[in-house]
Amino acid sequence: MIKGKKTGPLSYTKRYLTPEAMWREYNALSACKGEDVQVVLGIDAEKSRICFEFDFNAIPLNHFSSMDAPLFISLLPCIARAIQGCHKKGWVHGDIKPSNILYLKELGGIRLIDFGASYPVGTCRNTLKTWQLTPSFASPGQRSGEGLVEPDDDWYALNQLTEQVRSFLK
């Protein structure tokens, strides 16, 4: 069964290789801001750093076991709502996977984290010099670097995630 530590929220800082990557993630987080999205505490543009809230009580979904499959299923509406909220605000997360979804037991909800692979809906992939993805959760267009960044990329990843959980239930 999953367990969390009881030390409460802290912060951590992420450093970026380029200012463009930092601003893209910051803009995605700012646009998608909400209770189910990673909290930005501050930004240091000079040093290309963003400071985020870090909650030791949060449990990444990749720490779930087969015994947690019913909990995962109960969280699916929260996950879908968070993803859809980003899409409505014009952004695709781009890297939906278990380690980028935190379970917040105290709130009974989730939080999407790591928007480093996010792009605005409709971004043309062949204009990108580089992009991030997790192969087992990436849509065919993401893997090949073709087409446009679309909400379907995130839904594809969520489907892959649910298929993993379904395999636990067999």
Protein backbone atom coordinates (compact mmCIF):
# COMPACT_ATOMS: atom_id res chain seq x y z
CA MET A 1 0.00 0.00 0.00
CA ILE A 2 1.17 3.56 -0.65
CA LYS A 3 2.55 5.63 2.19
CA GLY A 4 3.51 9.27 2.50
CA LYS A 5 5.82 11.08 4.88
CA LYS A 6 4.36 13.66 7.24
CA THR A 7 6.80 16.53 6.83
CA GLY A 8 4.58 18.97 4.89
CA PRO A 9 5.22 21.31 1.99
CA LEU A 10 8.70 22.56 1.15
CA SER A 11 10.18 23.91 -2.06
CA TYR A 12 12.61 22.85 -4.73
CA THR A 13 14.27 24.72 -7.55
CA LYS A 14 14.56 23.59 -11.15
CA ARG A 15 17.35 25.02 -13.30
CA TYR A 16 16.94 25.25 -17.07
CA LEU A 17 19.51 24.93 -19.85
CA THR A 18 17.89 27.75 -21.80
CA PRO A 19 15.75 30.75 -20.87
CA GLU A 20 13.28 29.66 -23.58
CA ALA A 21 12.65 26.33 -21.84
CA MET A 22 12.17 28.08 -18.51
CA TRP A 23 9.73 30.64 -19.93
CA ARG A 24 7.76 27.98 -21.81
CA GLU A 25 7.28 25.91 -18.65
CA TYR A 26 6.51 29.01 -16.60
CA ASN A 27 3.97 30.23 -19.17
CA ALA A 28 2.28 26.81 -19.27
CA LEU A 29 2.07 26.67 -15.47
CA SER A 30 0.79 30.24 -15.27
CA ALA A 31 -1.90 29.60 -17.88
CA CYS A 32 -2.95 26.25 -16.37
CA LYS A 33 -2.79 27.44 -12.76
CA GLY A 34 -5.25 25.70 -10.45
CA GLU A 35 -5.54 23.36 -7.50
CA ASP A 36 -4.61 20.38 -9.67
CA VAL A 37 -1.44 21.94 -11.19
CA GLN A 38 2.05 22.28 -9.72
CA VAL A 39 2.47 25.47 -7.68
CA VAL A 40 5.12 28.00 -8.72
CA LEU A 41 6.58 29.88 -5.74
CA GLY A 42 8.90 32.14 -7.72
CA ILE A 43 11.10 32.61 -10.73
CA ASP A 44 14.69 33.83 -11.08
CA ALA A 45 15.00 34.79 -14.74
CA GLU A 46 18.67 35.81 -14.37
CA LYS A 47 19.66 32.32 -13.21
CA SER A 48 17.05 30.48 -15.33
CA ARG A 49 15.39 28.90 -12.31
CA ILE A 50 11.84 28.29 -11.13
CA CYS A 51 11.05 27.53 -7.50
CA PHE A 52 8.18 25.07 -6.96
CA GLU A 53 6.20 23.90 -3.98
CA PHE A 54 7.21 20.38 -2.94
CA ASP A 55 4.93 18.39 -0.68
CA PHE A 56 6.42 15.30 0.96
CA ASN A 57 2.88 14.04 1.54
CA ALA A 58 2.26 13.88 -2.21
CA ILE A 59 2.64 10.42 -3.73
CA PRO A 60 3.59 10.02 -7.39
CA LEU A 61 1.39 7.51 -9.16
CA ASN A 62 4.46 5.47 -10.10
CA HIS A 63 4.64 4.57 -6.39
CA PHE A 64 1.21 2.95 -6.53
CA SER A 65 1.05 -0.82 -6.39
CA SER A 66 -1.52 -3.22 -7.81
CA MET A 67 -3.37 -2.87 -4.49
CA ASP A 68 -3.87 0.83 -5.34
CA ALA A 69 -5.64 0.15 -8.64
CA PRO A 70 -9.10 0.99 -7.16
CA LEU A 71 -7.70 4.29 -5.85
CA PHE A 72 -6.24 5.06 -9.27
CA ILE A 73 -9.59 4.37 -10.91
CA SER A 74 -11.29 6.72 -8.44
CA LEU A 75 -8.75 9.43 -9.36
CA LEU A 76 -9.35 9.18 -13.12
CA PRO A 77 -12.01 11.93 -13.15
CA CYS A 78 -9.60 14.27 -11.31
CA ILE A 79 -6.79 13.46 -13.73
CA ALA A 80 -9.03 13.96 -16.76
CA ARG A 81 -10.33 17.27 -15.36
CA ALA A 82 -6.77 18.54 -14.79
CA ILE A 83 -5.69 17.58 -18.31
CA GLN A 84 -8.82 19.06 -19.85
CA GLY A 85 -8.30 22.26 -17.87
CA CYS A 86 -4.87 22.70 -19.46
CA HIS A 87 -6.32 22.07 -22.91
CA LYS A 88 -9.06 24.64 -22.36
CA LYS A 89 -6.35 27.15 -21.45
CA GLY A 90 -4.47 26.38 -24.68
CA TRP A 91 -1.72 24.05 -23.47
CA VAL A 92 -0.80 20.38 -23.91
CA HIS A 93 1.13 18.91 -20.96
CA GLY A 94 3.10 16.66 -23.30
CA ASP A 95 4.45 14.20 -20.73
CA ILE A 96 1.52 12.63 -18.90
CA LYS A 97 2.92 9.62 -17.04
CA PRO A 98 2.68 8.19 -13.51
CA SER A 99 5.65 10.13 -12.10
CA ASN A 100 4.14 13.44 -13.30
CA ILE A 101 0.84 12.93 -11.47
CA LEU A 102 0.89 13.27 -7.68
CA TYR A 103 -1.79 11.92 -5.38
CA LEU A 104 -2.64 14.36 -2.57
CA LYS A 105 -4.23 12.17 0.07
CA GLU A 106 -5.23 15.07 2.34
CA LEU A 107 -7.16 16.71 -0.52
CA GLY A 108 -8.36 13.48 -2.12
CA GLY A 109 -7.11 14.76 -5.47
CA ILE A 110 -4.14 14.98 -7.78
CA ARG A 111 -1.63 17.49 -9.02
CA LEU A 112 0.02 17.54 -12.45
CA ILE A 113 3.72 18.36 -12.30
CA ASP A 114 6.67 18.81 -14.67
CA PHE A 115 5.38 20.95 -17.52
CA GLY A 116 8.80 20.93 -19.18
CA ALA A 117 7.41 19.14 -22.25
CA SER A 118 4.41 21.47 -22.56
CA TYR A 119 3.63 23.40 -25.71
CA PRO A 120 0.71 25.52 -26.81
CA VAL A 121 -2.01 23.61 -28.65
CA GLY A 122 -1.30 23.71 -32.37
CA THR A 123 2.48 24.10 -32.19
CA CYS A 124 4.02 22.57 -35.32
CA ARG A 125 6.45 19.84 -34.24
CA ASN A 126 8.78 20.19 -37.21
CA THR A 127 9.57 23.76 -36.06
CA LEU A 128 10.92 22.42 -32.76
CA LYS A 129 14.66 21.92 -32.45
CA THR A 130 14.19 19.54 -29.51
CA TRP A 131 11.33 18.14 -27.48
CA GLN A 132 10.86 15.88 -24.49
CA LEU A 133 8.80 12.72 -24.25
CA THR A 134 8.53 9.40 -22.51
CA PRO A 135 8.39 6.78 -25.27
CA SER A 136 5.92 4.41 -23.61
CA PHE A 137 3.42 7.26 -23.07
CA ALA A 138 4.11 9.34 -26.21
CA SER A 139 1.72 9.43 -29.14
CA PRO A 140 3.02 8.39 -32.56
CA GLY A 141 3.22 12.06 -33.63
CA GLN A 142 5.27 12.95 -30.56
CA ARG A 143 7.67 10.08 -31.13
CA SER A 144 8.18 10.94 -34.81
CA GLY A 145 8.23 14.72 -34.30
CA GLU A 146 5.53 15.16 -36.92
CA GLY A 147 2.23 17.01 -37.01
CA LEU A 148 0.92 19.43 -34.44
CA VAL A 149 0.96 19.39 -30.65
CA GLU A 150 -2.62 18.43 -29.84
CA PRO A 151 -4.74 17.53 -26.81
CA ASP A 152 -4.93 13.99 -28.20
CA ASP A 153 -1.27 13.60 -27.19
CA ASP A 154 -2.23 13.84 -23.52
CA TRP A 155 -5.29 11.60 -23.95
CA TYR A 156 -3.12 9.00 -25.68
CA ALA A 157 -0.76 9.06 -22.69
CA LEU A 158 -3.63 8.74 -20.20
CA ASN A 159 -4.94 5.77 -22.17
CA GLN A 160 -1.50 4.14 -21.98
CA LEU A 161 -1.51 4.74 -18.23
CA THR A 162 -4.96 3.16 -17.79
CA GLU A 163 -3.83 0.17 -19.86
CA GLN A 164 -0.96 -0.35 -17.41
CA VAL A 165 -3.40 -0.31 -14.50
CA ARG A 166 -5.76 -2.65 -16.37
CA SER A 167 -2.91 -5.15 -16.68
CA PHE A 168 -2.64 -5.10 -12.84
CA LEU A 169 -6.28 -6.09 -12.58
CA LYS A 170 -5.98 -9.20 -14.78
